[in-house]
Each structure stands twice: as C-alpha cells, then as structure tokens.
Amino acid sequence: MNKKNIGQKVLDQLKKEISEVEYTRYIKQLIYDDEKSKKDYIIFMAPNQLIANYIKTKYTDTIAHLFEINTGINPQININTKKSNTTGKITKKVSSDKPIQSLLNPSYTFNNYVEGGSNEFAVKASKSVSKKPGAIYNPLFIYGGVGLGKTHLMQAIGNVLQNQGKNIIYTSVEQFLNDFTRHLSNGTMDRFKDKYRKCDVLLIDDIQFLSNKASTQEEFFHTFESLRNDGKQIVMTADKHPKKIAGLKERLKSRFEWGLVADIQPPGLETKIEIIKKKCEINRVKLDKEVINYIATIIENNSREIEGILVKLNAYSQLMHADIGIEFAKNVLKEQIRENRENITHDNIIATVARELNVKASEIISKSRSRNIVYARRVAIYLSRELTSNTTPQLAQLFGLKDHSAVSHTMKKINELIKNDEDFRLKIEELQNKITASTQN
C-alpha cells in the first residue's frame, strides 16, 4: 500500500466509527506525516496541544488498531503539534529482548489522576498492584460508568511497570476479538498466544463485551489461566461488577473475582472541580474560579466531557479573540446547559433530589420533620418553582403544605443560602442540570 495514502485511509475508516461532530472537530484536523512515519511508528500533526491531547486520550488505541488491520503491524501512534519536538507516545527503551507491544498513553499517570471519595479504593488498589505486580490483587477488576477514569487508572499501572522494563500488553476486548479472529483465519494462533501469554502484564478494557462470545471467552479463559499460573499481572475494566455481566461463563466470573474487585463511583462536585483544574493545568488553559465551578455544575457524571469542553472553549476564544469569562462560557456551552425544560415534571425533580440527597422520594412529600428530609424537601420546592410552571399554591398542594406562604418562606430561605453559601449554590446548579439532563435522555 502507498505509504503516503495509508494515514488518510485510516482516518477515513475512523470517520465511519465516530460521530460526524467528533470527526469534524478533532480527527479532520490531523495531518499524516508521511516523511517521518514508519511502519511501527506513526506520526500525525495536530493544530494545537488541546486537540492533540484530546485525540491521544480518546482515539490513539483505535487508530493503532486500524493501522494493524491495514498493515498487520500494531504501531505507536504519535500526535504532535507544529511547536512540539516530542512525540505523543514514547516507549522507554530497556535492556530486554522482549518486545514492548503496549499502546499506553504516557499522560495517564497516578500523578495527574484526581483522587476523591468516589475512587479512593480503586486508586489505592491500583497503586498497590503497580508496586507488586502478580503478587497482590491478581486479577484487579475495576468497574464503573463511562468516563470515570477506569482506563486512566489501568494505564497508570502499565506506565509505572513499563518504565521498569516490563512487557505490557494494553488492549480492549474488541481488539482482542479481532486479533483472535484474524490469527485464527490465518492459521497463526501461535503468534497470537505468544503475544498475549508471554507478556508480564495484561491490561484489557471493556471486559463486558466478552458477553455471549463463546469462542473468544474460551480463548480468554486459557490466556487468563496461563498468565495467572505464571504469576503475571492481569488488570481488567468493565462497566459493571463481573457478577452482573450477562452472557459471561460462570468460570470466568468466578476467576475475575479471585483477586480484587474495585468500583469507581461518579465524582462529587468537589472532585469534578479538582479534575477540571488538573485538566486546565495539563492543557495549559487558564480559567478563573467562576468558570471552573460553572463547568463542574453542567457536566454530568462523565469527566471525559471536560476535555471536549476545554477544546471548545479554547477554539471559540481564539476565533473570537475573546477571554473565557463566565458569560462567554455560558454562551459557548449552551448545548451542555440543556436549557430546554419543557419536559421537566414535579416527579422528575423529586426523584433526582431524593437520589442525590440520599432520601426516599416518599419522604420528601411526607410530614416528616427529620432534618435531612426537611432540607431535601426545601431543595425540591425551590427547584420545582424554578424549573416548572407550577404556581406557589399548586406547589403547596403537591408538597402537602398548609398554604402558598410556606412555599414563599422556603424560596426566601433557599435564595439566602444561595447568596451566602457558594458550595450550596453550586450544589443547586448541579441538581438543576441533572434534572434537565434526565429529561433529555
């Protein structure tokens, strides 16, 4: 295949797998460097560091896999900028005759991973594994929702161990399946087994996609057994606990729990603020406290949104020659705000407040005077007045209050808190956006 055309062919193939917006905003900006690229070392140029970092985080493993499909070689993918003299992916050279076959993102480290109450256990477990691979928590199974940092933690383990000269394989179940299918059809299963069973550490993403794939499950079972019997470390991620993965053989479920299962919960508001600060630092984007706090309230539970938001704000700022202030941010990010509130109901609000404040929906509309329930009830009343067209008499009836004056009193109290307590204001804004988002999904 013509060397000059392969880079664009891969990007054209990627276009079919992602949304048109993502392709236009990020991937279309890449230029294949055909002069400096080699078969196992691919270089793309991005217009700025923000776009480069976003693509490194989200797409490099997919791009590498598409190159492997086209050329049979799984290369390193480097995303550079015109001002950059370093590559986006660096494999440390070590005195070993074992090939380093990982596609680790070097920006995924423990140092730039924001730890909070929602992920503390998983972080400590991951650090322990990076210090004693194969000897503690083997396998390590990390699960949680999309964009909560599972892959970051797993690759942080890989980066620590790769720098120690370990042979790391990082892959996804989809890539494992494609590899298995290709080698099986080509009669080269020995090469497949050498790749996956002779590494020091196997990192494998999205294990839930093994569901109902009998032959792939069988092969992965033998790979798992071989690695673990040899004292090699296995780390897996999934969107749910292994027991809850339907279509997975029981012997695999049980083995996935042999070591340690650690979950990552959605980050709280404070953790989201720290994540945004860290992303700004990494991407060299300057945002003031008010804008950072605002972004934290409009993103949902997926911290992966942050990179996209920073790219968007930075691009608009450069195009319009404007500083990123709070009004500028609100205008640019109106899609994330989801201001269309036509479908919001009293029940939506009650359900969200109950879930977020850890009380029962029935308690909010009860006569209970328990402090936490009164607090939740007042928040629900305020949000119902702000987000729906219900009048104060209607709200008094819905919440079982004596009359509309009780609603007015609640509104006054909540508004005072919003004015004087920034943390409370941020919590109210976060709840507003979660309620709005829930009616749009």
Foldseek 3Di string as FASTA:
>chain_A
DPLQCPLVVLLVVVCVVDDPVCCVLAVVQWDWDSVPADLAETEIEHAADLSLVLCLVPPQQVSQLSSCVVPVYRHAYFYHYPPDPDTQDDQDDDPDPDDQRARFGVVLALVLDQDDPQCPVVLVQLVVCLVPPLPAQAAEEEAAAAQLCQSSSLSNSVNSVSVVVFREYEEELVSLVVVVVVCVVVVNVVVNCCNQQVGQEYEYEAPLVCAQVVVSLVVVVVSSVSQSVVSGYYYYYHHDQLVPRHRHDPVVNVNNPPGHYHYGYQDDLVSLLVSLVSVCVVRVNDDDPVQSLLVSQLDARNSSVSSVLSSQLVVVCVVVVHDDDDVSSCVSCVVSQLPPLPQFDLVLLLVLLCVVLVHDSVLLLDPDPPPSSVVSVLLSLLLCVVRHPDDLQRSCVVSVHPGSVVSVVSNVVLVVCLVPPVVSVSVSSNSNNVSSVVRVD
